[in-house]
C-alpha atoms as a PDB file:
ATOM      1  CA  MET A   1     160.268  75.540  53.959  1.00  0.00           C
ATOM      2  CA  THR A   2     159.771  72.174  55.832  1.00  0.00           C
ATOM      3  CA  TYR A   3     157.236  71.739  58.458  1.00  0.00           C
ATOM      4  CA  THR A   4     157.395  68.636  60.670  1.00  0.00           C
ATOM      5  CA  GLY A   5     154.903  67.083  63.110  1.00  0.00           C
ATOM      6  CA  ILE A   6     152.011  68.867  61.271  1.00  0.00           C
ATOM      7  CA  VAL A   7     148.551  67.473  60.801  1.00  0.00           C
ATOM      8  CA  VAL A   8     145.925  69.439  58.944  1.00  0.00           C
ATOM      9  CA  ASN A   9     142.123  69.147  59.047  1.00  0.00           C
ATOM     10  CA  ARG A  10     141.349  68.270  55.374  1.00  0.00           C
ATOM     11  CA  HIS A  11     137.576  68.136  56.129  1.00  0.00           C
ATOM     12  CA  LEU A  12     137.186  71.960  56.404  1.00  0.00           C
ATOM     13  CA  PRO A  13     135.853  72.459  52.859  1.00  0.00           C
ATOM     14  CA  GLN A  14     133.091  69.901  53.409  1.00  0.00           C
ATOM     15  CA  LEU A  15     132.254  71.567  56.688  1.00  0.00           C
ATOM     16  CA  ALA A  16     131.892  74.914  54.967  1.00  0.00           C
ATOM     17  CA  LYS A  17     130.079  73.323  51.910  1.00  0.00           C
ATOM     18  CA  LEU A  18     132.711  74.720  49.576  1.00  0.00           C
ATOM     19  CA  SER A  19     135.197  73.351  47.175  1.00  0.00           C
ATOM     20  CA  LYS A  20     138.806  73.317  48.207  1.00  0.00           C
ATOM     21  CA  ALA A  21     139.535  76.192  45.734  1.00  0.00           C
ATOM     22  CA  GLN A  22     136.670  78.226  47.100  1.00  0.00           C
ATOM     23  CA  PHE A  23     137.775  77.589  50.638  1.00  0.00           C
ATOM     24  CA  LEU A  24     141.299  78.661  50.071  1.00  0.00           C
ATOM     25  CA  ASP A  25     139.957  81.725  48.365  1.00  0.00           C
ATOM     26  CA  ARG A  26     137.956  82.689  51.486  1.00  0.00           C
ATOM     27  CA  VAL A  27     141.050  82.451  53.670  1.00  0.00           C
ATOM     28  CA  ALA A  28     143.511  83.924  51.070  1.00  0.00           C
ATOM     29  CA  ASN A  29     144.405  87.032  53.061  1.00  0.00           C
ATOM     30  CA  ILE A  30     144.633  85.396  56.482  1.00  0.00           C
ATOM     31  CA  GLN A  31     148.155  85.689  57.901  1.00  0.00           C
ATOM     32  CA  ALA A  32     147.851  84.076  61.371  1.00  0.00           C
ATOM     33  CA  ILE A  33     145.618  81.699  63.264  1.00  0.00           C
ATOM     34  CA  ARG A  34     144.566  81.536  66.913  1.00  0.00           C
ATOM     35  CA  ARG A  35     146.698  78.952  68.792  1.00  0.00           C
ATOM     36  CA  LYS A  36     146.146  76.827  71.837  1.00  0.00           C
ATOM     37  CA  LYS A  37     148.815  74.883  73.660  1.00  0.00           C
ATOM     38  CA  SER A  38     147.990  71.552  75.298  1.00  0.00           C
ATOM     39  CA  GLU A  39     150.376  69.433  77.501  1.00  0.00           C
ATOM     40  CA  ILE A  40     149.996  65.679  76.462  1.00  0.00           C
ATOM     41  CA  SER A  41     151.362  63.170  78.817  1.00  0.00           C
ATOM     42  CA  LEU A  42     151.857  59.500  77.945  1.00  0.00           C
ATOM     43  CA  PHE A  43     151.809  58.694  81.706  1.00  0.00           C
ATOM     44  CA  ILE A  44     148.064  57.924  81.706  1.00  0.00           C
ATOM     45  CA  THR A  45     146.445  58.948  84.976  1.00  0.00           C
ATOM     46  CA  ASP A  46     142.864  59.578  83.942  1.00  0.00           C
ATOM     47  CA  ALA A  47     140.271  59.265  81.213  1.00  0.00           C
ATOM     48  CA  ARG A  48     141.110  62.718  79.743  1.00  0.00           C
ATOM     49  CA  ARG A  49     144.769  61.779  79.067  1.00  0.00           C
ATOM     50  CA  MET A  50     143.574  58.523  77.220  1.00  0.00           C
ATOM     51  CA  ALA A  51     141.059  60.538  75.315  1.00  0.00           C
ATOM     52  CA  GLN A  52     143.770  62.982  74.200  1.00  0.00           C
ATOM     53  CA  LEU A  53     145.991  60.172  73.014  1.00  0.00           C
ATOM     54  CA  GLU A  54     143.184  58.505  71.143  1.00  0.00           C
ATOM     55  CA  ALA A  55     142.209  61.919  69.521  1.00  0.00           C
ATOM     56  CA  LEU A  56     145.810  62.624  68.399  1.00  0.00           C
ATOM     57  CA  HIS A  57     146.013  59.094  66.848  1.00  0.00           C
ATOM     58  CA  ALA A  58     142.708  59.672  64.992  1.00  0.00           C
ATOM     59  CA  ALA A  59     143.765  63.030  63.781  1.00  0.00           C
ATOM     60  CA  VAL A  60     147.113  61.609  62.362  1.00  0.00           C
ATOM     61  CA  HIS A  61     145.310  58.756  60.639  1.00  0.00           C
ATOM     62  CA  SER A  62     142.137  60.441  59.342  1.00  0.00           C
ATOM     63  CA  GLU A  63     143.130  64.139  59.249  1.00  0.00           C
ATOM     64  CA  LYS A  64     139.715  64.972  60.841  1.00  0.00           C
ATOM     65  CA  PHE A  65     139.594  66.258  64.434  1.00  0.00           C
ATOM     66  CA  PHE A  66     138.370  66.493  67.169  1.00  0.00           C
ATOM     67  CA  ALA A  67     135.314  64.479  68.307  1.00  0.00           C
ATOM     68  CA  ASN A  68     135.565  66.233  71.706  1.00  0.00           C
ATOM     69  CA  PRO A  69     137.406  69.563  71.428  1.00  0.00           C
ATOM     70  CA  THR A  70     137.124  70.170  75.185  1.00  0.00           C
ATOM     71  CA  ASP A  71     139.832  67.500  75.729  1.00  0.00           C
ATOM     72  CA  PHE A  72     142.221  70.118  74.223  1.00  0.00           C
ATOM     73  CA  GLU A  73     140.609  73.001  76.002  1.00  0.00           C
ATOM     74  CA  LEU A  74     138.688  74.277  72.849  1.00  0.00           C
ATOM     75  CA  SER A  75     135.114  75.303  72.751  1.00  0.00           C
ATOM     76  CA  PRO A  76     132.833  72.769  71.070  1.00  0.00           C
ATOM     77  CA  ASN A  77     131.934  75.513  68.535  1.00  0.00           C
ATOM     78  CA  TRP A  78     135.453  76.391  67.564  1.00  0.00           C
ATOM     79  CA  VAL A  79     136.949  74.849  64.406  1.00  0.00           C
ATOM     80  CA  PRO A  80     140.433  73.240  64.613  1.00  0.00           C
ATOM     81  CA  PHE A  81     142.494  73.756  61.442  1.00  0.00           C
ATOM     82  CA  VAL A  82     145.967  72.353  62.309  1.00  0.00           C
ATOM     83  CA  LEU A  83     147.964  70.414  64.906  1.00  0.00           C
ATOM     84  CA  LYS A  84     151.703  70.830  65.487  1.00  0.00           C
ATOM     85  CA  MET A  85     153.427  68.217  67.684  1.00  0.00           C
ATOM     86  CA  PRO A  86     156.957  67.039  68.195  1.00  0.00           C
ATOM     87  CA  GLU A  87     158.033  64.922  65.229  1.00  0.00           C
ATOM     88  CA  PRO A  88     158.889  61.787  67.281  1.00  0.00           C
ATOM     89  CA  LEU A  89     155.418  61.825  68.704  1.00  0.00           C
ATOM     90  CA  HIS A  90     153.914  62.275  65.205  1.00  0.00           C
ATOM     91  CA  ALA A  91     156.028  59.465  63.770  1.00  0.00           C
ATOM     92  CA  TRP A  92     155.034  57.104  66.566  1.00  0.00           C
ATOM     93  CA  LEU A  93     151.292  57.748  66.151  1.00  0.00           C
ATOM     94  CA  ALA A  94     151.561  57.379  62.405  1.00  0.00           C
ATOM     95  CA  ALA A  95     153.557  54.044  62.549  1.00  0.00           C
ATOM     96  CA  TYR A  96     151.113  51.979  64.694  1.00  0.00           C
ATOM     97  CA  THR A  97     147.455  51.207  65.156  1.00  0.00           C
ATOM     98  CA  LEU A  98     145.666  52.518  68.151  1.00  0.00           C
ATOM     99  CA  ALA A  99     145.725  49.079  69.780  1.00  0.00           C
ATOM    100  CA  GLU A 100     149.452  48.904  69.309  1.00  0.00           C
ATOM    101  CA  VAL A 101     149.949  52.430  70.735  1.00  0.00           C
ATOM    102  CA  LYS A 102     147.894  51.476  73.823  1.00  0.00           C
ATOM    103  CA  ALA A 103     149.806  48.182  74.161  1.00  0.00           C
ATOM    104  CA  GLN A 104     153.102  50.066  74.097  1.00  0.00           C
ATOM    105  CA  VAL A 105     151.878  52.548  76.723  1.00  0.00           C
ATOM    106  CA  VAL A 106     150.744  49.623  78.891  1.00  0.00           C
ATOM    107  CA  ASN A 107     154.091  47.921  78.545  1.00  0.00           C
ATOM    108  CA  TRP A 108     155.947  51.115  79.510  1.00  0.00           C
ATOM    109  CA  MET A 109     153.760  51.642  82.493  1.00  0.00           C
ATOM    110  CA  ALA A 110     153.994  47.969  83.468  1.00  0.00           C
ATOM    111  CA  ALA A 111     157.813  48.319  83.660  1.00  0.00           C
ATOM    112  CA  LEU A 112     157.291  51.389  85.973  1.00  0.00           C
ATOM    113  CA  TYR A 113     154.704  49.410  88.056  1.00  0.00           C
ATOM    114  CA  ALA A 114     157.235  46.553  88.415  1.00  0.00           C
ATOM    115  CA  ALA A 115     159.666  48.975  89.865  1.00  0.00           C
ATOM    116  CA  HIS A 116     157.024  50.476  92.239  1.00  0.00           C
ATOM    117  CA  CYS A 117     157.355  53.710  90.373  1.00  0.00           C
ATOM    118  CA  ARG A 118     154.291  56.035  90.786  1.00  0.00           C
ATOM    119  CA  ARG A 119     151.936  53.110  91.077  1.00  0.00           C
ATOM    120  CA  ASP A 120     149.271  55.279  92.768  1.00  0.00           C
ATOM    121  CA  GLY A 121     149.259  57.726  89.874  1.00  0.00           C
ATOM    122  CA  MET A 122     148.133  55.188  87.220  1.00  0.00           C
ATOM    123  CA  TRP A 123     144.647  55.396  85.741  1.00  0.00           C
ATOM    124  CA  ARG A 124     142.498  52.842  87.620  1.00  0.00           C
ATOM    125  CA  LYS A 125     140.712  51.768  84.412  1.00  0.00           C
ATOM    126  CA  LEU A 126     144.097  50.913  82.822  1.00  0.00           C
ATOM    127  CA  LEU A 127     145.586  49.446  85.916  1.00  0.00           C
ATOM    128  CA  PRO A 128     144.308  45.821  85.432  1.00  0.00           C
ATOM    129  CA  GLU A 129     146.116  45.663  82.065  1.00  0.00           C
ATOM    130  CA  ILE A 130     149.283  47.235  83.545  1.00  0.00           C
ATOM    131  CA  LYS A 131     149.174  44.725  86.484  1.00  0.00           C
ATOM    132  CA  HIS A 132     148.664  41.841  84.075  1.00  0.00           C
ATOM    133  CA  ALA A 133     151.669  42.905  81.901  1.00  0.00           C
ATOM    134  CA  ALA A 134     153.897  43.482  84.966  1.00  0.00           C
ATOM    135  CA  MET A 135     153.176  40.027  86.355  1.00  0.00           C
ATOM    136  CA  ALA A 136     153.524  38.377  82.918  1.00  0.00           C
ATOM    137  CA  TYR A 137     156.796  39.926  81.728  1.00  0.00           C
ATOM    138  CA  TYR A 138     158.634  41.558  84.695  1.00  0.00           C
ATOM    139  CA  SER A 139     160.564  40.026  87.594  1.00  0.00           C
ATOM    140  CA  PRO A 140     158.992  40.612  90.988  1.00  0.00           C
ATOM    141  CA  TYR A 141     160.036  43.596  92.973  1.00  0.00           C
ATOM    142  CA  THR A 142     161.754  43.148  96.320  1.00  0.00           C
ATOM    143  CA  PRO A 143     163.272  46.140  98.210  1.00  0.00           C
ATOM    144  CA  LYS A 144     166.596  44.471  98.860  1.00  0.00           C
ATOM    145  CA  GLN A 145     166.991  43.322  95.288  1.00  0.00           C
ATOM    146  CA  ALA A 146     165.615  46.388  93.490  1.00  0.00           C
ATOM    147  CA  ASP A 147     168.898  47.812  92.455  1.00  0.00           C
ATOM    148  CA  GLU A 148     170.192  44.476  91.177  1.00  0.00           C
ATOM    149  CA  LEU A 149     166.874  44.013  89.253  1.00  0.00           C
ATOM    150  CA  ILE A 150     167.389  47.128  87.094  1.00  0.00           C
ATOM    151  CA  GLU A 151     169.424  45.354  84.449  1.00  0.00           C
ATOM    152  CA  VAL A 152     166.927  42.510  84.436  1.00  0.00           C
ATOM    153  CA  TRP A 153     163.981  44.865  84.031  1.00  0.00           C
ATOM    154  CA  SER A 154     165.779  46.700  81.291  1.00  0.00           C
ATOM    155  CA  ARG A 155     166.221  43.440  79.286  1.00  0.00           C
ATOM    156  CA  GLN A 156     162.688  42.424  80.052  1.00  0.00           C
ATOM    157  CA  TYR A 157     161.396  45.759  78.780  1.00  0.00           C
ATOM    158  CA  GLU A 158     163.242  45.411  75.442  1.00  0.00           C
ATOM    159  CA  GLN A 159     161.826  41.834  75.007  1.00  0.00           C
ATOM    160  CA  THR A 160     158.429  42.727  75.758  1.00  0.00           C
ATOM    161  CA  ARG A 161     158.290  45.539  73.317  1.00  0.00           C
ATOM    162  CA  ARG A 162     157.828  43.023  70.473  1.00  0.00           C
ATOM    163  CA  PHE A 163     154.627  41.808  72.152  1.00  0.00           C
ATOM    164  CA  ALA A 164     153.385  45.331  72.190  1.00  0.00           C
ATOM    165  CA  GLY A 165     153.766  45.972  68.469  1.00  0.00           C
ATOM    166  CA  GLY A 166     157.385  47.034  68.173  1.00  0.00           C
ATOM    167  CA  LYS A 167     159.610  49.856  69.145  1.00  0.00           C
ATOM    168  CA  ALA A 168     157.801  53.156  70.095  1.00  0.00           C
ATOM    169  CA  CYS A 169     159.999  55.608  67.883  1.00  0.00           C
ATOM    170  CA  GLY A 170     161.793  56.909  70.978  1.00  0.00           C
ATOM    171  CA  VAL A 171     158.787  58.449  72.753  1.00  0.00           C
ATOM    172  CA  LEU A 172     158.444  55.624  75.177  1.00  0.00           C
ATOM    173  CA  ASP A 173     162.012  54.896  76.074  1.00  0.00           C
ATOM    174  CA  ASN A 174     163.226  52.200  78.428  1.00  0.00           C
ATOM    175  CA  PRO A 175     162.625  53.583  81.852  1.00  0.00           C
ATOM    176  CA  PHE A 176     165.749  51.877  83.119  1.00  0.00           C
ATOM    177  CA  THR A 177     168.170  53.328  80.498  1.00  0.00           C
ATOM    178  CA  ASN A 178     171.783  53.625  81.750  1.00  0.00           C
ATOM    179  CA  ASN A 179     170.926  51.521  84.690  1.00  0.00           C
ATOM    180  CA  GLU A 180     169.319  54.375  86.510  1.00  0.00           C
ATOM    181  CA  ARG A 181     166.579  53.515  88.857  1.00  0.00           C
ATOM    182  CA  PRO A 182     163.442  55.596  88.324  1.00  0.00           C
ATOM    183  CA  PHE A 183     162.715  58.360  90.950  1.00  0.00           C
ATOM    184  CA  LEU A 184     160.054  56.607  92.973  1.00  0.00           C
ATOM    185  CA  GLU A 185     156.859  58.599  93.497  1.00  0.00           C
ATOM    186  CA  SER A 186     158.530  61.445  91.548  1.00  0.00           C
ATOM    187  CA  GLU A 187     157.034  63.872  88.974  1.00  0.00           C
ATOM    188  CA  GLU A 188     160.118  63.413  86.936  1.00  0.00           C
ATOM    189  CA  VAL A 189     158.698  60.284  85.363  1.00  0.00           C
ATOM    190  CA  ASP A 190     155.597  62.278  84.218  1.00  0.00           C
ATOM    191  CA  LYS A 191     157.617  65.223  83.006  1.00  0.00           C
ATOM    192  CA  SER A 192     159.853  63.016  80.931  1.00  0.00           C
ATOM    193  CA  TYR A 193     156.985  61.768  78.805  1.00  0.00           C
ATOM    194  CA  ARG A 194     155.073  65.008  78.415  1.00  0.00           C
ATOM    195  CA  PHE A 195     154.764  66.710  75.021  1.00  0.00           C
ATOM    196  CA  THR A 196     153.410  70.054  73.954  1.00  0.00           C
ATOM    197  CA  VAL A 197     150.799  70.007  71.131  1.00  0.00           C
ATOM    198  CA  ARG A 198     149.618  73.195  69.544  1.00  0.00           C
ATOM    199  CA  THR A 199     146.213  73.523  67.912  1.00  0.00           C
ATOM    200  CA  GLY A 200     145.481  76.294  65.398  1.00  0.00           C
ATOM    201  CA  TYR A 201     141.780  77.015  65.324  1.00  0.00           C
ATOM    202  CA  PHE A 202     139.101  79.528  64.256  1.00  0.00           C
ATOM    203  CA  ARG A 203     136.546  80.672  66.847  1.00  0.00           C
ATOM    204  CA  GLU A 204     132.912  80.437  65.839  1.00  0.00           C
ATOM    205  CA  ASP A 205     132.755  84.131  64.883  1.00  0.00           C
ATOM    206  CA  ASP A 206     136.041  83.836  62.852  1.00  0.00           C
ATOM    207  CA  TRP A 207     134.469  80.898  60.905  1.00  0.00           C
ATOM    208  CA  LEU A 208     131.150  82.639  60.248  1.00  0.00           C
ATOM    209  CA  PHE A 209     132.736  85.922  59.052  1.00  0.00           C
ATOM    210  CA  VAL A 210     135.748  84.645  57.247  1.00  0.00           C
ATOM    211  CA  VAL A 211     134.555  81.237  55.860  1.00  0.00           C
ATOM    212  CA  GLU A 212     130.796  80.931  55.747  1.00  0.00           C
ATOM    213  CA  ARG A 213     129.951  84.616  55.335  1.00  0.00           C
ATOM    214  CA  ASN A 214     126.332  83.922  56.137  1.00  0.00           C
ATOM    215  CA  ARG A 215     124.532  87.008  57.229  1.00  0.00           C
ATOM    216  CA  GLN A 216     121.615  85.285  58.921  1.00  0.00           C
ATOM    217  CA  LYS A 217     123.921  83.092  61.017  1.00  0.00           C
ATOM    218  CA  LEU A 218     125.907  86.200  61.911  1.00  0.00           C
ATOM    219  CA  LEU A 219     122.690  88.077  63.069  1.00  0.00           C
ATOM    220  CA  ASN A 220     121.781  84.943  65.135  1.00  0.00           C
ATOM    221  CA  TYR A 221     125.262  84.733  66.584  1.00  0.00           C
ATOM    222  CA  TYR A 222     125.382  88.366  67.678  1.00  0.00           C
ATOM    223  CA  LYS A 223     121.668  88.521  68.726  1.00  0.00           C
ATOM    224  CA  SER A 224     122.442  89.656  72.263  1.00  0.00           C
ATOM    225  CA  ASN A 225     124.578  92.457  70.980  1.00  0.00           C
ATOM    226  CA  LEU A 226     121.892  93.537  68.573  1.00  0.00           C
ATOM    227  CA  ASP A 227     119.179  93.213  71.335  1.00  0.00           C
ATOM    228  CA  ASP A 228     121.234  95.381  73.689  1.00  0.00           C
ATOM    229  CA  GLY A 229     121.948  97.981  71.109  1.00  0.00           C
ATOM    230  CA  ILE A 230     125.692  97.448  71.108  1.00  0.00           C
ATOM    231  CA  TRP A 231     125.559  96.471  67.477  1.00  0.00           C
ATOM    232  CA  THR A 232     123.199  97.086  64.666  1.00  0.00           C
ATOM    233  CA  ALA A 233     122.653  95.000  61.458  1.00  0.00           C
ATOM    234  CA  ARG A 234     124.722  97.715  59.699  1.00  0.00           C
ATOM    235  CA  THR A 235     127.669  96.834  61.882  1.00  0.00           C
ATOM    236  CA  ILE A 236     127.701  93.205  60.638  1.00  0.00           C
ATOM    237  CA  ASP A 237     127.120  94.326  56.996  1.00  0.00           C
ATOM    238  CA  GLU A 238     130.093  96.655  57.212  1.00  0.00           C
ATOM    239  CA  GLN A 239     132.345  93.922  58.562  1.00  0.00           C
ATOM    240  CA  MET A 240     131.177  91.620  55.800  1.00  0.00           C
ATOM    241  CA  ARG A 241     132.048  94.154  53.229  1.00  0.00           C
ATOM    242  CA  THR A 242     135.585  94.436  54.520  1.00  0.00           C
ATOM    243  CA  ILE A 243     136.106  90.808  55.390  1.00  0.00           C
ATOM    244  CA  ASP A 244     138.572  90.180  52.586  1.00  0.00           C
ATOM    245  CA  SER A 245     141.047  92.518  54.230  1.00  0.00           C
ATOM    246  CA  GLU A 246     140.957  90.460  57.514  1.00  0.00           C
ATOM    247  CA  THR A 247     144.327  89.033  58.450  1.00  0.00           C
ATOM    248  CA  MET A 248     143.459  87.424  61.743  1.00  0.00           C
ATOM    249  CA  HIS A 249     146.321  88.913  63.615  1.00  0.00           C
ATOM    250  CA  ARG A 250     145.237  88.455  67.266  1.00  0.00           C
ATOM    251  CA  SER A 251     147.131  88.324  70.552  1.00  0.00           C
ATOM    252  CA  GLU A 252     146.832  84.508  70.675  1.00  0.00           C
ATOM    253  CA  ALA A 253     147.413  84.038  66.925  1.00  0.00           C
ATOM    254  CA  ARG A 254     150.679  82.886  65.372  1.00  0.00           C
ATOM    255  CA  PRO A 255     151.722  83.190  61.717  1.00  0.00           C
ATOM    256  CA  GLU A 256     154.067  80.207  61.679  1.00  0.00           C
ATOM    257  CA  ILE A 257     151.331  77.682  62.465  1.00  0.00           C
ATOM    258  CA  TRP A 258     149.079  79.189  59.767  1.00  0.00           C
ATOM    259  CA  GLN A 259     151.831  78.977  57.299  1.00  0.00           C
ATOM    260  CA  ALA A 260     152.308  75.330  58.204  1.00  0.00           C
ATOM    261  CA  TRP A 261     148.599  74.699  57.718  1.00  0.00           C
ATOM    262  CA  HIS A 262     148.507  76.443  54.343  1.00  0.00           C
ATOM    263  CA  TYR A 263     151.568  74.595  53.080  1.00  0.00           C
ATOM    264  CA  HIS A 264     150.242  71.124  53.977  1.00  0.00           C
ATOM    265  CA  PHE A 265     146.581  71.844  53.108  1.00  0.00           C
ATOM    266  CA  SER A 266     147.630  73.039  49.625  1.00  0.00           C
ATOM    267  CA  LEU A 267     149.506  69.813  48.814  1.00  0.00           C
ATOM    268  CA  THR A 268     146.553  67.736  47.670  1.00  0.00           C
ATOM    269  CA  GLY A 269     144.061  68.197  44.758  1.00  0.00           C
ATOM    270  CA  ASP A 270     140.798  70.152  44.890  1.00  0.00           C
ATOM    271  CA  LYS A 271     137.538  68.778  46.311  1.00  0.00           C
ATOM    272  CA  VAL A 272     134.739  68.923  43.822  1.00  0.00           C
ATOM    273  CA  GLY A 273     131.069  69.643  44.607  1.00  0.00           C
ATOM    274  CA  ALA A 274     130.146  65.988  44.555  1.00  0.00           C
ATOM    275  CA  ASP A 275     132.539  65.373  47.486  1.00  0.00           C
ATOM    276  CA  LEU A 276     130.710  67.892  49.726  1.00  0.00           C
ATOM    277  CA  GLU A 277     128.684  66.706  52.616  1.00  0.00           C
END
């Protein structure tokens, strides 16, 4: 089976202080993983969207993620295993440095800025770069000439892409394709450059039970349950005895993203003890 647009977190064994073989043994019976969907937009309107773009680029290049899980609506204590994104987005991020990716985003938004398209929605911190690029590379906007300028802007956009590191693998297409003027002040521009990214993750309790299997940590994690008499230490001990039968089928879990993680994670060689952190 072929999986595209997949990035796996290869630093999980180090996090668990296990070899890769030991780690895979701990999760051998898992059949599904919790999944969270995030909408990623390349129309940068705030710091969070820029942080998401930077985090995705770092994950693709380092296979370690995320520095700030809350950017993807994950708890800081949850452990991300795998990302699934559209293949064009993955190919674009893999092909360029972060500086080139940002430059391509700025160029695309500068073209929109030149056309007076959604100017007010652009991130203020990025706006000086966008304005500079618009003034440097695009013909001035005048209402009477706007329709005539579309072909000019289209040529200028294509010429400017070489200053921004090259073509963006189809994810930041020319906004004036087919000589169609952008919908001014319309959400359509944003929707056209929005991608769904899925994160497969373990919650903290999943990680403690399935991977670490540390009784003391589990007693600490469930302290409130124990104090309130909802659980006893025997409850935890019983779950630890049966943990090898855990499949992780949950309402928010999906088997296909787990299978993709397992396929890609298993491709490389084992991590020996000397590599552990």
